[in-house]
């Protein structure tokens, strides 16, 4: 099951946590598209664990093909929801 940021925030606040800050932080995920593909291939992101091996491998092959067909890229960034809470 996957939750969106507002659902997570509401769940935590609903269980007695006080929200001090809620922001999006942009961070470096990979230096370029080839490194991005390598990072995705590690399957370390929890959302990728829910995909069957055959679907993941098929998608990874398509991603690598897509990235190889692109001109050289710069850094790849990702947006991450950051909650600061206290009880």
PDB file of N, CA and C in Angstrom:
ATOM      1  N   UNK A   1       0.840  -1.173   0.000  1.00  0.00           N
ATOM      2  CA  UNK A   1       0.000   0.000   0.000  1.00  0.00           C
ATOM      3  C   UNK A   1       0.888   1.241   0.000  1.00  0.00           C
ATOM      4  N   UNK A   2       0.513   2.207  -0.758  1.00  0.00           N
ATOM      5  CA  UNK A   2       1.303   3.432  -0.870  1.00  0.00           C
ATOM      6  C   UNK A   2       0.470   4.620  -0.402  1.00  0.00           C
ATOM      7  N   UNK A   3       1.081   5.459   0.413  1.00  0.00           N
ATOM      8  CA  UNK A   3       0.404   6.643   0.922  1.00  0.00           C
ATOM      9  C   UNK A   3       1.009   7.898   0.304  1.00  0.00           C
ATOM     10  N   UNK A   4       0.194   8.887   0.088  1.00  0.00           N
ATOM     11  CA  UNK A   4       0.666  10.197  -0.372  1.00  0.00           C
ATOM     12  C   UNK A   4       0.977  11.046   0.856  1.00  0.00           C
ATOM     13  N   UNK A   5       1.759  12.104   0.641  1.00  0.00           N
ATOM     14  CA  UNK A   5       2.214  12.952   1.750  1.00  0.00           C
ATOM     15  C   UNK A   5       1.071  13.450   2.638  1.00  0.00           C
ATOM     16  N   UNK A   6      -0.032  13.964   2.083  1.00  0.00           N
ATOM     17  CA  UNK A   6      -1.108  14.427   2.973  1.00  0.00           C
ATOM     18  C   UNK A   6      -1.692  13.304   3.837  1.00  0.00           C
ATOM     19  N   UNK A   7      -1.761  12.097   3.296  1.00  0.00           N
ATOM     20  CA  UNK A   7      -2.277  10.966   4.071  1.00  0.00           C
ATOM     21  C   UNK A   7      -1.331  10.623   5.225  1.00  0.00           C
ATOM     22  N   UNK A   8      -0.043  10.645   4.955  1.00  0.00           N
ATOM     23  CA  UNK A   8       0.939  10.356   6.003  1.00  0.00           C
ATOM     24  C   UNK A   8       0.873  11.416   7.089  1.00  0.00           C
ATOM     25  N   UNK A   9       0.856  12.678   6.668  1.00  0.00           N
ATOM     26  CA  UNK A   9       0.775  13.785   7.625  1.00  0.00           C
ATOM     27  C   UNK A   9      -0.480  13.647   8.486  1.00  0.00           C
ATOM     28  N   UNK A  10      -1.626  13.414   7.871  1.00  0.00           N
ATOM     29  CA  UNK A  10      -2.880  13.303   8.623  1.00  0.00           C
ATOM     30  C   UNK A  10      -2.877  12.102   9.559  1.00  0.00           C
ATOM     31  N   UNK A  11      -2.280  11.005   9.121  1.00  0.00           N
ATOM     32  CA  UNK A  11      -2.187   9.819   9.963  1.00  0.00           C
ATOM     33  C   UNK A  11      -1.357  10.111  11.209  1.00  0.00           C
ATOM     34  N   UNK A  12      -0.219  10.749  11.034  1.00  0.00           N
ATOM     35  CA  UNK A  12       0.654  11.060  12.173  1.00  0.00           C
ATOM     36  C   UNK A  12      -0.005  12.057  13.120  1.00  0.00           C
ATOM     37  N   UNK A  13      -0.590  13.107  12.569  1.00  0.00           N
ATOM     38  CA  UNK A  13      -1.269  14.104  13.396  1.00  0.00           C
ATOM     39  C   UNK A  13      -2.460  13.461  14.109  1.00  0.00           C
ATOM     40  N   UNK A  14      -3.152  12.574  13.421  1.00  0.00           N
ATOM     41  CA  UNK A  14      -4.280  11.870  14.023  1.00  0.00           C
ATOM     42  C   UNK A  14      -3.885  10.945  15.159  1.00  0.00           C
ATOM     43  N   UNK A  15      -2.611  10.594  15.235  1.00  0.00           N
ATOM     44  CA  UNK A  15      -2.116   9.732  16.312  1.00  0.00           C
ATOM     45  C   UNK A  15      -1.322  10.521  17.354  1.00  0.00           C
ATOM     46  N   UNK A  16      -1.577  11.818  17.405  1.00  0.00           N
ATOM     47  CA  UNK A  16      -1.026  12.618  18.499  1.00  0.00           C
ATOM     48  C   UNK A  16       0.260  13.361  18.226  1.00  0.00           C
ATOM     49  N   UNK A  17       0.802  13.258  17.037  1.00  0.00           N
ATOM     50  CA  UNK A  17       2.006  14.015  16.733  1.00  0.00           C
ATOM     51  C   UNK A  17       1.632  15.438  16.337  1.00  0.00           C
ATOM     52  N   UNK A  18       2.499  16.375  16.654  1.00  0.00           N
ATOM     53  CA  UNK A  18       2.300  17.777  16.290  1.00  0.00           C
ATOM     54  C   UNK A  18       3.257  18.087  15.139  1.00  0.00           C
ATOM     55  N   UNK A  19       2.708  18.619  14.074  1.00  0.00           N
ATOM     56  CA  UNK A  19       3.501  18.926  12.889  1.00  0.00           C
ATOM     57  C   UNK A  19       4.197  20.266  13.073  1.00  0.00           C
ATOM     58  N   UNK A  20       5.526  20.265  13.055  1.00  0.00           N
ATOM     59  CA  UNK A  20       6.306  21.494  13.151  1.00  0.00           C
ATOM     60  C   UNK A  20       6.634  22.052  11.774  1.00  0.00           C
ATOM     61  N   UNK A  21       6.848  21.165  10.817  1.00  0.00           N
ATOM     62  CA  UNK A  21       7.239  21.608   9.483  1.00  0.00           C
ATOM     63  C   UNK A  21       6.860  20.538   8.469  1.00  0.00           C
ATOM     64  N   UNK A  22       6.446  20.992   7.312  1.00  0.00           N
ATOM     65  CA  UNK A  22       6.064  20.101   6.209  1.00  0.00           C
ATOM     66  C   UNK A  22       6.587  20.771   4.945  1.00  0.00           C
ATOM     67  N   UNK A  23       7.612  20.192   4.348  1.00  0.00           N
ATOM     68  CA  UNK A  23       8.198  20.812   3.163  1.00  0.00           C
ATOM     69  C   UNK A  23       8.712  19.754   2.191  1.00  0.00           C
ATOM     70  N   UNK A  24       8.971  20.191   0.994  1.00  0.00           N
ATOM     71  CA  UNK A  24       9.552  19.318  -0.027  1.00  0.00           C
ATOM     72  C   UNK A  24      11.025  19.695  -0.161  1.00  0.00           C
ATOM     73  N   UNK A  25      11.874  18.691  -0.067  1.00  0.00           N
ATOM     74  CA  UNK A  25      13.316  18.881  -0.215  1.00  0.00           C
ATOM     75  C   UNK A  25      13.735  18.227  -1.522  1.00  0.00           C
ATOM     76  N   UNK A  26      14.458  18.966  -2.342  1.00  0.00           N
ATOM     77  CA  UNK A  26      14.952  18.419  -3.605  1.00  0.00           C
ATOM     78  C   UNK A  26      16.394  17.975  -3.381  1.00  0.00           C
ATOM     79  N   UNK A  27      16.660  16.707  -3.699  1.00  0.00           N
ATOM     80  CA  UNK A  27      18.003  16.180  -3.479  1.00  0.00           C
ATOM     81  C   UNK A  27      18.523  15.493  -4.735  1.00  0.00           C
ATOM     82  N   UNK A  28      19.826  15.390  -4.805  1.00  0.00           N
ATOM     83  CA  UNK A  28      20.474  14.713  -5.924  1.00  0.00           C
ATOM     84  C   UNK A  28      20.232  13.211  -5.808  1.00  0.00           C
ATOM     85  N   UNK A  29      19.718  12.607  -6.878  1.00  0.00           N
ATOM     86  CA  UNK A  29      19.502  11.159  -6.900  1.00  0.00           C
ATOM     87  C   UNK A  29      20.610  10.468  -7.698  1.00  0.00           C
ATOM     88  N   UNK A  30      21.042  11.087  -8.790  1.00  0.00           N
ATOM     89  CA  UNK A  30      22.103  10.503  -9.618  1.00  0.00           C
ATOM     90  C   UNK A  30      22.802  11.625 -10.383  1.00  0.00           C
ATOM     91  N   UNK A  31      24.054  11.376 -10.751  1.00  0.00           N
ATOM     92  CA  UNK A  31      24.817  12.393 -11.488  1.00  0.00           C
ATOM     93  C   UNK A  31      24.378  12.534 -12.930  1.00  0.00           C
ATOM     94  N   UNK A  32      23.792  11.453 -13.496  1.00  0.00           N
ATOM     95  CA  UNK A  32      23.344  11.482 -14.888  1.00  0.00           C
ATOM     96  C   UNK A  32      22.385  10.315 -15.115  1.00  0.00           C
ATOM     97  N   UNK A  33      21.857  10.200 -16.334  1.00  0.00           N
ATOM     98  CA  UNK A  33      20.881   9.139 -16.614  1.00  0.00           C
ATOM     99  C   UNK A  33      21.448   7.727 -16.487  1.00  0.00           C
ATOM    100  N   UNK A  34      22.670   7.449 -16.946  1.00  0.00           N
ATOM    101  CA  UNK A  34      23.198   6.090 -16.728  1.00  0.00           C
ATOM    102  C   UNK A  34      23.287   5.715 -15.239  1.00  0.00           C
ATOM    103  N   UNK A  35      23.716   6.664 -14.413  1.00  0.00           N
ATOM    104  CA  UNK A  35      23.770   6.385 -12.976  1.00  0.00           C
ATOM    105  C   UNK A  35      22.354   6.235 -12.413  1.00  0.00           C
ATOM    106  N   UNK A  36      21.409   6.999 -12.929  1.00  0.00           N
ATOM    107  CA  UNK A  36      20.013   6.865 -12.516  1.00  0.00           C
ATOM    108  C   UNK A  36      19.518   5.441 -12.772  1.00  0.00           C
ATOM    109  N   UNK A  37      19.778   4.929 -13.963  1.00  0.00           N
ATOM    110  CA  UNK A  37      19.368   3.556 -14.290  1.00  0.00           C
ATOM    111  C   UNK A  37      20.022   2.549 -13.346  1.00  0.00           C
ATOM    112  N   UNK A  38      21.301   2.749 -13.062  1.00  0.00           N
ATOM    113  CA  UNK A  38      22.003   1.848 -12.146  1.00  0.00           C
ATOM    114  C   UNK A  38      21.387   1.885 -10.749  1.00  0.00           C
ATOM    115  N   UNK A  39      21.017   3.075 -10.288  1.00  0.00           N
ATOM    116  CA  UNK A  39      20.405   3.206  -8.961  1.00  0.00           C
ATOM    117  C   UNK A  39      19.039   2.523  -8.929  1.00  0.00           C
ATOM    118  N   UNK A  40      18.243   2.713  -9.987  1.00  0.00           N
ATOM    119  CA  UNK A  40      16.933   2.065 -10.054  1.00  0.00           C
ATOM    120  C   UNK A  40      17.102   0.547 -10.090  1.00  0.00           C
ATOM    121  N   UNK A  41      18.122   0.070 -10.804  1.00  0.00           N
ATOM    122  CA  UNK A  41      18.376  -1.366 -10.931  1.00  0.00           C
ATOM    123  C   UNK A  41      18.647  -2.023  -9.571  1.00  0.00           C
ATOM    124  N   UNK A  42      19.122  -1.251  -8.602  1.00  0.00           N
ATOM    125  CA  UNK A  42      19.373  -1.792  -7.264  1.00  0.00           C
ATOM    126  C   UNK A  42      18.074  -2.140  -6.540  1.00  0.00           C
ATOM    127  N   UNK A  43      16.974  -1.573  -7.025  1.00  0.00           N
ATOM    128  CA  UNK A  43      15.629  -1.837  -6.484  1.00  0.00           C
ATOM    129  C   UNK A  43      15.550  -1.525  -4.992  1.00  0.00           C
ATOM    130  N   UNK A  44      16.272  -0.491  -4.589  1.00  0.00           N
ATOM    131  CA  UNK A  44      16.315  -0.111  -3.177  1.00  0.00           C
ATOM    132  C   UNK A  44      15.115   0.733  -2.754  1.00  0.00           C
ATOM    133  N   UNK A  45      14.421   1.345  -3.707  1.00  0.00           N
ATOM    134  CA  UNK A  45      13.244   2.130  -3.364  1.00  0.00           C
ATOM    135  C   UNK A  45      12.119   1.170  -2.976  1.00  0.00           C
ATOM    136  N   UNK A  46      11.491   1.401  -1.843  1.00  0.00           N
ATOM    137  CA  UNK A  46      10.488   0.463  -1.335  1.00  0.00           C
ATOM    138  C   UNK A  46       9.334   0.257  -2.310  1.00  0.00           C
ATOM    139  N   UNK A  47       8.970   1.278  -3.061  1.00  0.00           N
ATOM    140  CA  UNK A  47       7.859   1.124  -4.004  1.00  0.00           C
ATOM    141  C   UNK A  47       8.186   0.123  -5.111  1.00  0.00           C
ATOM    142  N   UNK A  48       9.463  -0.066  -5.403  1.00  0.00           N
ATOM    143  CA  UNK A  48       9.856  -1.020  -6.444  1.00  0.00           C
ATOM    144  C   UNK A  48       9.782  -2.464  -5.957  1.00  0.00           C
ATOM    145  N   UNK A  49       9.731  -2.654  -4.651  1.00  0.00           N
ATOM    146  CA  UNK A  49       9.656  -4.005  -4.090  1.00  0.00           C
ATOM    147  C   UNK A  49       8.306  -4.662  -4.391  1.00  0.00           C
ATOM    148  N   UNK A  50       7.283  -3.850  -4.628  1.00  0.00           N
ATOM    149  CA  UNK A  50       5.932  -4.382  -4.843  1.00  0.00           C
ATOM    150  C   UNK A  50       5.719  -4.873  -6.271  1.00  0.00           C
ATOM    151  N   UNK A  51       6.665  -4.611  -7.150  1.00  0.00           N
ATOM    152  CA  UNK A  51       6.540  -4.995  -8.555  1.00  0.00           C
ATOM    153  C   UNK A  51       7.116  -6.400  -8.732  1.00  0.00           C
ATOM    154  N   UNK A  52       6.431  -7.231  -9.493  1.00  0.00           N
ATOM    155  CA  UNK A  52       6.953  -8.584  -9.736  1.00  0.00           C
ATOM    156  C   UNK A  52       8.310  -8.490 -10.435  1.00  0.00           C
ATOM    157  N   UNK A  53       9.124  -9.523 -10.270  1.00  0.00           N
ATOM    158  CA  UNK A  53      10.454  -9.525 -10.883  1.00  0.00           C
ATOM    159  C   UNK A  53      10.371  -9.375 -12.400  1.00  0.00           C
ATOM    160  N   UNK A  54       9.444 -10.082 -13.025  1.00  0.00           N
ATOM    161  CA  UNK A  54       9.351 -10.011 -14.487  1.00  0.00           C
ATOM    162  C   UNK A  54       8.926  -8.611 -14.941  1.00  0.00           C
ATOM    163  N   UNK A  55       7.956  -8.005 -14.251  1.00  0.00           N
ATOM    164  CA  UNK A  55       7.540  -6.646 -14.608  1.00  0.00           C
ATOM    165  C   UNK A  55       8.663  -5.645 -14.352  1.00  0.00           C
ATOM    166  N   UNK A  56       9.362  -5.817 -13.224  1.00  0.00           N
ATOM    167  CA  UNK A  56      10.467  -4.912 -12.917  1.00  0.00           C
ATOM    168  C   UNK A  56      11.548  -5.000 -13.987  1.00  0.00           C
ATOM    169  N   UNK A  57      11.935  -6.211 -14.353  1.00  0.00           N
ATOM    170  CA  UNK A  57      12.991  -6.391 -15.352  1.00  0.00           C
ATOM    171  C   UNK A  57      12.575  -5.840 -16.717  1.00  0.00           C
ATOM    172  N   UNK A  58      11.322  -6.023 -17.084  1.00  0.00           N
ATOM    173  CA  UNK A  58      10.820  -5.476 -18.344  1.00  0.00           C
ATOM    174  C   UNK A  58      10.848  -3.940 -18.298  1.00  0.00           C
ATOM    175  N   UNK A  59      10.416  -3.373 -17.197  1.00  0.00           N
ATOM    176  CA  UNK A  59      10.431  -1.917 -17.043  1.00  0.00           C
ATOM    177  C   UNK A  59      11.838  -1.359 -17.009  1.00  0.00           C
ATOM    178  N   UNK A  60      12.755  -2.061 -16.351  1.00  0.00           N
ATOM    179  CA  UNK A  60      14.140  -1.613 -16.287  1.00  0.00           C
ATOM    180  C   UNK A  60      14.779  -1.629 -17.674  1.00  0.00           C
ATOM    181  N   UNK A  61      14.484  -2.644 -18.448  1.00  0.00           N
ATOM    182  CA  UNK A  61      15.005  -2.708 -19.818  1.00  0.00           C
ATOM    183  C   UNK A  61      14.481  -1.520 -20.629  1.00  0.00           C
ATOM    184  N   UNK A  62      13.194  -1.209 -20.496  1.00  0.00           N
ATOM    185  CA  UNK A  62      12.615  -0.069 -21.214  1.00  0.00           C
ATOM    186  C   UNK A  62      13.234   1.239 -20.734  1.00  0.00           C
ATOM    187  N   UNK A  63      13.484   1.360 -19.433  1.00  0.00           N
ATOM    188  CA  UNK A  63      14.111   2.569 -18.892  1.00  0.00           C
ATOM    189  C   UNK A  63      15.522   2.738 -19.443  1.00  0.00           C
ATOM    190  N   UNK A  64      16.283   1.654 -19.469  1.00  0.00           N
ATOM    191  CA  UNK A  64      17.652   1.746 -19.997  1.00  0.00           C
ATOM    192  C   UNK A  64      17.639   2.157 -21.473  1.00  0.00           C
ATOM    193  N   UNK A  65      16.725   1.589 -22.237  1.00  0.00           N
ATOM    194  CA  UNK A  65      16.612   1.959 -23.656  1.00  0.00           C
ATOM    195  C   UNK A  65      16.263   3.438 -23.787  1.00  0.00           C
ATOM    196  N   UNK A  66      15.306   3.893 -22.994  1.00  0.00           N
ATOM    197  CA  UNK A  66      14.908   5.301 -23.018  1.00  0.00           C
ATOM    198  C   UNK A  66      16.097   6.198 -22.688  1.00  0.00           C
ATOM    199  N   UNK A  67      16.830   5.873 -21.623  1.00  0.00           N
ATOM    200  CA  UNK A  67      17.957   6.703 -21.192  1.00  0.00           C
ATOM    201  C   UNK A  67      19.091   6.695 -22.211  1.00  0.00           C
ATOM    202  N   UNK A  68      19.321   5.562 -22.851  1.00  0.00           N
ATOM    203  CA  UNK A  68      20.382   5.472 -23.859  1.00  0.00           C
ATOM    204  C   UNK A  68      20.058   6.305 -25.091  1.00  0.00           C
ATOM    205  N   UNK A  69      18.768   6.495 -25.378  1.00  0.00           N
ATOM    206  CA  UNK A  69      18.347   7.265 -26.550  1.00  0.00           C
ATOM    207  C   UNK A  69      18.337   8.767 -26.292  1.00  0.00           C
ATOM    208  N   UNK A  70      18.567   9.197 -25.061  1.00  0.00           N
ATOM    209  CA  UNK A  70      18.566  10.612 -24.721  1.00  0.00           C
ATOM    210  C   UNK A  70      19.967  11.179 -24.883  1.00  0.00           C
ATOM    211  N   UNK A  71      20.060  12.469 -25.167  1.00  0.00           N
ATOM    212  CA  UNK A  71      21.394  13.094 -25.180  1.00  0.00           C
ATOM    213  C   UNK A  71      21.989  13.060 -23.769  1.00  0.00           C
ATOM    214  N   UNK A  72      23.300  13.219 -23.654  1.00  0.00           N
ATOM    215  CA  UNK A  72      23.916  13.213 -22.313  1.00  0.00           C
ATOM    216  C   UNK A  72      23.184  14.191 -21.392  1.00  0.00           C
ATOM    217  N   UNK A  73      22.957  13.736 -20.192  1.00  0.00           N
ATOM    218  CA  UNK A  73      22.189  14.549 -19.246  1.00  0.00           C
ATOM    219  C   UNK A  73      23.077  15.070 -18.132  1.00  0.00           C
ATOM    220  N   UNK A  74      22.501  15.958 -17.380  1.00  0.00           N
ATOM    221  CA  UNK A  74      23.131  16.419 -16.150  1.00  0.00           C
ATOM    222  C   UNK A  74      22.543  15.647 -14.990  1.00  0.00           C
ATOM    223  N   UNK A  75      22.613  16.229 -13.822  1.00  0.00           N
ATOM    224  CA  UNK A  75      22.130  15.563 -12.620  1.00  0.00           C
ATOM    225  C   UNK A  75      20.628  15.262 -12.664  1.00  0.00           C
ATOM    226  N   UNK A  76      20.257  14.200 -11.972  1.00  0.00           N
ATOM    227  CA  UNK A  76      18.847  13.817 -11.818  1.00  0.00           C
ATOM    228  C   UNK A  76      18.493  14.060 -10.350  1.00  0.00           C
ATOM    229  N   UNK A  77      17.488  14.893 -10.132  1.00  0.00           N
ATOM    230  CA  UNK A  77      17.063  15.231  -8.773  1.00  0.00           C
ATOM    231  C   UNK A  77      15.718  14.596  -8.472  1.00  0.00           C
ATOM    232  N   UNK A  78      15.437  14.436  -7.183  1.00  0.00           N
ATOM    233  CA  UNK A  78      14.138  13.929  -6.752  1.00  0.00           C
ATOM    234  C   UNK A  78      13.608  14.807  -5.629  1.00  0.00           C
ATOM    235  N   UNK A  79      12.301  14.934  -5.608  1.00  0.00           N
ATOM    236  CA  UNK A  79      11.641  15.680  -4.541  1.00  0.00           C
ATOM    237  C   UNK A  79      11.227  14.699  -3.450  1.00  0.00           C
ATOM    238  N   UNK A  80      11.535  15.059  -2.207  1.00  0.00           N
ATOM    239  CA  UNK A  80      11.233  14.203  -1.061  1.00  0.00           C
ATOM    240  C   UNK A  80      10.423  15.030  -0.057  1.00  0.00           C
ATOM    241  N   UNK A  81       9.322  14.449   0.414  1.00  0.00           N
ATOM    242  CA  UNK A  81       8.530  15.116   1.450  1.00  0.00           C
ATOM    243  C   UNK A  81       9.231  14.965   2.792  1.00  0.00           C
ATOM    244  N   UNK A  82       9.394  16.083   3.496  1.00  0.00           N
ATOM    245  CA  UNK A  82      10.050  16.085   4.803  1.00  0.00           C
ATOM    246  C   UNK A  82       9.064  16.598   5.842  1.00  0.00           C
ATOM    247  N   UNK A  83       8.799  15.772   6.844  1.00  0.00           N
ATOM    248  CA  UNK A  83       7.940  16.153   7.963  1.00  0.00           C
ATOM    249  C   UNK A  83       8.799  16.248   9.204  1.00  0.00           C
ATOM    250  N   UNK A  84       8.625  17.311   9.963  1.00  0.00           N
ATOM    251  CA  UNK A  84       9.250  17.433  11.270  1.00  0.00           C
ATOM    252  C   UNK A  84       8.095  17.473  12.270  1.00  0.00           C
ATOM    253  N   UNK A  85       8.111  16.514  13.196  1.00  0.00           N
ATOM    254  CA  UNK A  85       7.015  16.376  14.154  1.00  0.00           C
ATOM    255  C   UNK A  85       7.565  16.207  15.559  1.00  0.00           C
ATOM    256  N   UNK A  86       6.715  16.416  16.524  1.00  0.00           N
ATOM    257  CA  UNK A  86       7.056  16.071  17.902  1.00  0.00           C
ATOM    258  C   UNK A  86       5.815  15.536  18.589  1.00  0.00           C
ATOM    259  N   UNK A  87       5.996  14.870  19.670  1.00  0.00           N
ATOM    260  CA  UNK A  87       4.883  14.256  20.419  1.00  0.00           C
ATOM    261  C   UNK A  87       4.747  14.968  21.734  1.00  0.00           C
TER     262      UNK A  87
END
